[in-house]
Protein backbone atom coordinates (compact mmCIF):
# COMPACT_ATOMS: atom_id res chain seq x y z
CA UNK A 1 11.11 -9.43 -3.10
CA UNK A 2 8.45 -7.99 -5.33
CA UNK A 3 8.86 -9.38 -8.82
CA UNK A 4 7.59 -8.12 -12.16
CA UNK A 5 5.01 -10.51 -13.56
CA UNK A 6 4.41 -10.63 -17.32
CA UNK A 7 1.25 -9.06 -18.66
CA UNK A 8 0.09 -12.44 -19.91
CA UNK A 9 0.39 -14.02 -16.49
CA UNK A 10 -1.47 -11.16 -14.82
CA UNK A 11 -4.23 -11.35 -17.41
CA UNK A 12 -4.84 -15.04 -16.77
CA UNK A 13 -4.07 -15.06 -13.06
CA UNK A 14 -7.56 -14.10 -11.78
CA UNK A 15 -9.00 -17.21 -13.43
CA UNK A 16 -6.21 -19.46 -12.16
CA UNK A 17 -6.51 -17.89 -8.70
CA UNK A 18 -10.27 -18.50 -8.54
CA UNK A 19 -9.74 -22.13 -9.49
CA UNK A 20 -7.01 -22.48 -6.86
CA UNK A 21 -9.14 -21.00 -4.07
CA UNK A 22 -12.18 -23.13 -4.93
CA UNK A 23 -10.20 -26.36 -4.97
CA UNK A 24 -7.79 -25.62 -2.11
CA UNK A 25 -9.83 -27.39 0.56
CA UNK A 26 -9.97 -30.62 -1.46
CA UNK A 27 -6.45 -30.46 -2.84
CA UNK A 28 -3.72 -32.85 -1.68
CA UNK A 29 -1.28 -29.95 -1.93
CA UNK A 30 -1.89 -27.02 0.41
CA UNK A 31 -2.08 -24.09 -2.00
CA UNK A 32 -3.83 -21.68 0.38
CA UNK A 33 -3.08 -20.95 4.02
CA UNK A 34 -3.76 -18.16 6.50
CA UNK A 35 -2.20 -16.96 9.76
CA UNK A 36 -4.08 -14.96 12.39
CA UNK A 37 -2.44 -12.50 14.79
CA UNK A 38 -3.77 -10.51 17.71
CA UNK A 39 -2.73 -6.87 17.29
CA UNK A 40 -1.44 -6.46 20.84
CA UNK A 41 0.61 -9.68 20.72
CA UNK A 42 2.08 -9.39 17.22
CA UNK A 43 2.82 -5.65 17.19
CA UNK A 44 4.97 -5.34 20.29
CA UNK A 45 7.12 -2.38 19.21
CA UNK A 46 6.22 1.26 18.85
CA UNK A 47 7.41 2.33 22.28
CA UNK A 48 5.05 4.60 24.18
CA UNK A 49 3.16 5.65 21.03
CA UNK A 50 0.67 2.78 21.45
CA UNK A 51 -1.42 1.34 24.22
CA UNK A 52 -2.66 -2.24 24.37
CA UNK A 53 -5.72 -3.67 26.09
CA UNK A 54 -6.14 -7.00 27.84
CA UNK A 55 -8.48 -8.23 25.09
CA UNK A 56 -5.75 -7.87 22.44
CA UNK A 57 -6.72 -4.53 20.94
CA UNK A 58 -4.23 -1.82 20.11
CA UNK A 59 -4.62 1.94 19.73
CA UNK A 60 -2.68 5.20 19.84
CA UNK A 61 -1.66 6.41 23.27
CA UNK A 62 -3.17 9.61 24.63
CA UNK A 63 -1.66 12.70 23.02
CA UNK A 64 -0.16 10.81 20.04
CA UNK A 65 -1.41 11.95 16.62
CA UNK A 66 0.24 9.21 14.51
CA UNK A 67 2.33 6.12 15.09
CA UNK A 68 3.87 3.25 13.13
CA UNK A 69 4.74 -0.22 14.38
CA UNK A 70 6.28 -3.26 12.65
CA UNK A 71 5.48 -6.91 13.34
CA UNK A 72 8.04 -9.58 14.10
CA UNK A 73 9.14 -11.63 11.06
CA UNK A 74 6.55 -14.25 10.11
CA UNK A 75 7.61 -17.47 8.36
CA UNK A 76 5.74 -17.92 5.09
CA UNK A 77 3.88 -21.27 5.37
CA UNK A 78 5.22 -22.64 2.06
CA UNK A 79 8.70 -24.12 1.63
CA UNK A 80 9.03 -23.55 -2.11
CA UNK A 81 6.35 -21.25 -3.57
CA UNK A 82 6.14 -21.52 -7.33
CA UNK A 83 6.21 -19.46 -9.51
CA UNK A 84 5.60 -16.71 -6.91
CA UNK A 85 3.75 -16.13 -3.64
CA UNK A 86 0.58 -14.02 -3.36
CA UNK A 87 -0.24 -12.43 0.00
CA UNK A 88 -3.18 -10.35 1.18
CA UNK A 89 -4.06 -8.91 4.58
CA UNK A 90 -7.36 -8.66 6.41
CA UNK A 91 -7.60 -6.55 9.54
CA UNK A 92 -10.38 -5.99 12.02
CA UNK A 93 -10.62 -2.47 13.40
CA UNK A 94 -13.01 0.08 14.82
CA UNK A 95 -12.32 3.30 12.95
CA UNK A 96 -14.46 6.30 11.93
CA UNK A 97 -12.50 6.41 8.66
CA UNK A 98 -10.65 3.54 6.98
CA UNK A 99 -7.87 5.95 6.01
CA UNK A 100 -6.83 6.18 9.68
CA UNK A 101 -5.23 2.72 9.53
CA UNK A 102 -2.89 1.58 6.75
CA UNK A 103 -0.92 -1.64 6.28
CA UNK A 104 2.19 -2.46 4.29
CA UNK A 105 3.96 -5.75 3.60
CA UNK A 106 7.52 -6.73 2.77
CA UNK A 107 9.30 -10.06 2.35
CA UNK A 108 12.75 -11.51 2.91
CA UNK A 109 14.58 -14.64 1.73
CA UNK A 110 16.37 -15.10 5.07
CA UNK A 111 14.73 -12.91 7.73
CA UNK A 112 17.60 -10.40 7.61
CA UNK A 113 17.64 -8.85 4.14
CA UNK A 114 14.31 -7.22 3.41
CA UNK A 115 12.71 -5.84 0.28
CA UNK A 116 10.85 -2.54 0.12
CA UNK A 117 7.48 -1.93 1.71
CA UNK A 118 4.41 -2.48 -0.47
CA UNK A 119 1.08 -0.81 0.27
CA UNK A 120 -1.68 -3.26 1.18
CA UNK A 121 -4.42 -0.98 -0.13
CA UNK A 122 -8.03 -1.80 0.67
CA UNK A 123 -9.83 -3.74 -2.05
CA UNK A 124 -13.21 -2.02 -2.16
CA UNK A 125 -14.60 -4.71 -4.50
CA UNK A 126 -14.57 -7.24 -1.65
CA UNK A 127 -17.78 -7.39 0.36
CA UNK A 128 -16.64 -7.82 3.99
CA UNK A 129 -18.36 -10.42 6.14
CA UNK A 130 -18.38 -7.93 9.01
CA UNK A 131 -18.59 -4.15 9.00
CA UNK A 132 -15.26 -3.70 10.78
CA UNK A 133 -13.24 -6.00 8.49
CA UNK A 134 -10.93 -4.52 5.85
CA UNK A 135 -9.50 -6.59 2.97
CA UNK A 136 -6.40 -5.66 1.01
CA UNK A 137 -5.55 -6.36 -2.61
CA UNK A 138 -3.30 -9.31 -3.35
CA UNK A 139 0.40 -8.49 -3.43
CA UNK A 140 2.83 -10.64 -5.43
CA UNK A 141 6.32 -11.55 -4.23
CA UNK A 142 9.13 -13.69 -5.63
CA UNK A 143 9.56 -17.41 -5.11
CA UNK A 144 12.59 -16.78 -2.88
CA UNK A 145 10.37 -15.16 -0.22
CA UNK A 146 10.56 -17.05 3.08
CA UNK A 147 9.51 -14.40 5.64
CA UNK A 148 7.01 -11.55 5.68
CA UNK A 149 6.50 -8.54 7.94
CA UNK A 150 3.59 -6.15 8.13
CA UNK A 151 3.74 -2.52 9.17
CA UNK A 152 0.75 -0.69 10.65
CA UNK A 153 0.34 3.08 10.70
CA UNK A 154 -2.45 4.67 12.76
CA UNK A 155 -3.63 8.29 12.76
CA UNK A 156 -6.18 10.24 14.76
CA UNK A 157 -9.22 11.79 13.10
CA UNK A 158 -9.86 15.53 12.86
CA UNK A 159 -11.94 15.29 16.05
CA UNK A 160 -9.12 13.44 17.84
CA UNK A 161 -10.63 9.94 17.64
CA UNK A 162 -8.06 7.14 17.51
CA UNK A 163 -8.83 3.87 15.67
CA UNK A 164 -8.62 0.54 17.48
CA UNK A 165 -6.98 -2.45 15.79
CA UNK A 166 -8.17 -5.89 16.92
CA UNK A 167 -6.21 -8.32 14.76
CA UNK A 168 -4.52 -9.02 11.44
CA UNK A 169 -4.88 -12.12 9.25
CA UNK A 170 -2.44 -12.84 6.43
CA UNK A 171 -3.64 -14.99 3.52
CA UNK A 172 -1.05 -16.86 1.43
CA UNK A 173 -1.61 -18.37 -2.01
CA UNK A 174 0.91 -20.58 -3.78
CA UNK A 175 -0.32 -20.91 -7.39
CA UNK A 176 1.96 -23.88 -8.13
CA UNK A 177 3.87 -24.56 -11.30
CA UNK A 178 2.00 -23.71 -14.49
CA UNK A 179 1.25 -26.76 -16.63
CA UNK A 180 2.56 -26.93 -20.19
CA UNK A 181 -0.78 -26.20 -21.88
CA UNK A 182 -1.44 -23.07 -19.81
CA UNK A 183 2.15 -21.90 -20.28
CA UNK A 184 1.77 -22.22 -24.04
CA UNK A 185 -1.31 -19.97 -23.92
CA UNK A 186 0.52 -17.43 -21.75
CA UNK A 187 3.54 -17.37 -24.04
CA UNK A 188 1.35 -16.96 -27.13
CA UNK A 189 -0.20 -13.85 -25.58
CA UNK A 190 3.07 -12.28 -24.48
CA UNK A 191 4.03 -8.94 -26.03
CA UNK A 192 6.85 -10.37 -28.15
CA UNK A 193 4.58 -13.04 -29.67
CA UNK A 194 1.55 -10.91 -30.45
CA UNK A 195 0.72 -10.39 -34.10
CA UNK A 196 0.33 -6.78 -35.22
CA UNK A 197 -3.24 -5.67 -35.86
CA UNK A 198 -3.98 -5.35 -39.58
CA UNK A 199 -6.95 -3.58 -41.15
CA UNK A 200 -8.36 -4.61 -44.51
CA UNK A 201 -11.28 -2.59 -45.97
CA UNK A 202 -14.36 -4.72 -46.63
CA UNK A 203 -15.31 -2.70 -49.72
CA UNK A 204 -13.30 -1.36 -52.58
CA UNK A 205 -12.96 2.40 -52.73
CA UNK A 206 -11.20 4.60 -55.19
CA UNK A 207 -10.78 7.33 -52.63
CA UNK A 208 -9.20 7.36 -49.21
CA UNK A 209 -11.43 7.56 -46.15
CA UNK A 210 -12.44 11.23 -45.81
CA UNK A 211 -10.96 13.15 -42.95
CA UNK A 212 -13.01 15.02 -40.34
CA UNK A 213 -13.17 18.27 -42.33
CA UNK A 214 -14.53 16.47 -45.39
CA UNK A 215 -17.12 14.60 -43.34
CA UNK A 216 -18.19 17.83 -41.68
CA UNK A 217 -18.91 19.35 -45.09
CA UNK A 218 -21.03 16.37 -46.10
CA UNK A 219 -22.93 15.81 -42.84
CA UNK A 220 -23.91 19.01 -41.02
CA UNK A 221 -22.95 19.05 -37.37
CA UNK A 222 -25.91 19.07 -34.94
CA UNK A 223 -26.98 22.41 -33.57
CA UNK A 224 -26.16 22.89 -29.87
């Protein structure tokens, strides 16, 4: 299930995540994994709203304006993620407008009881390796997550063009337990441990700082 992460953790996580991704290939512990799925093979539902090609692509059937289909449950490739699991999606599609295809993710501890759907919005800061690749933001789920599903919604354009979905790749990151030194830094920056901001004038004054009306009388406002 989606968990609330403290502001301190989220503030430091981009740096920890970058370090994790750079060292994942040389690490003795697999902290990063990905699973690749052909659209036609992984999204088998949807009834007659979708049509599938022999090369694995998937699109809306003729006459259908919009359709939604859900994948089969996918086992998360970590036995005990700690302290949470981060998941992002990358999909390859031919679409005149990226808004015509949307993805959502949800997780489950047992494959039966599912959390709510979370939008896998496109991360426009990521430079795709190919023009027809779309990358989502990272989504964070609790350590009890053992299965994930993705839901795809397709819509036709104003000129009746339907997008074509080739495949979906899910990326999983297990940050691992935070060491004691990093945890001390995180705790020191948490809301309950922050020191209130105090202001001490650097010069002695016998009058309070003038308000806006007083300053306006001293310094004429510029002519517009």
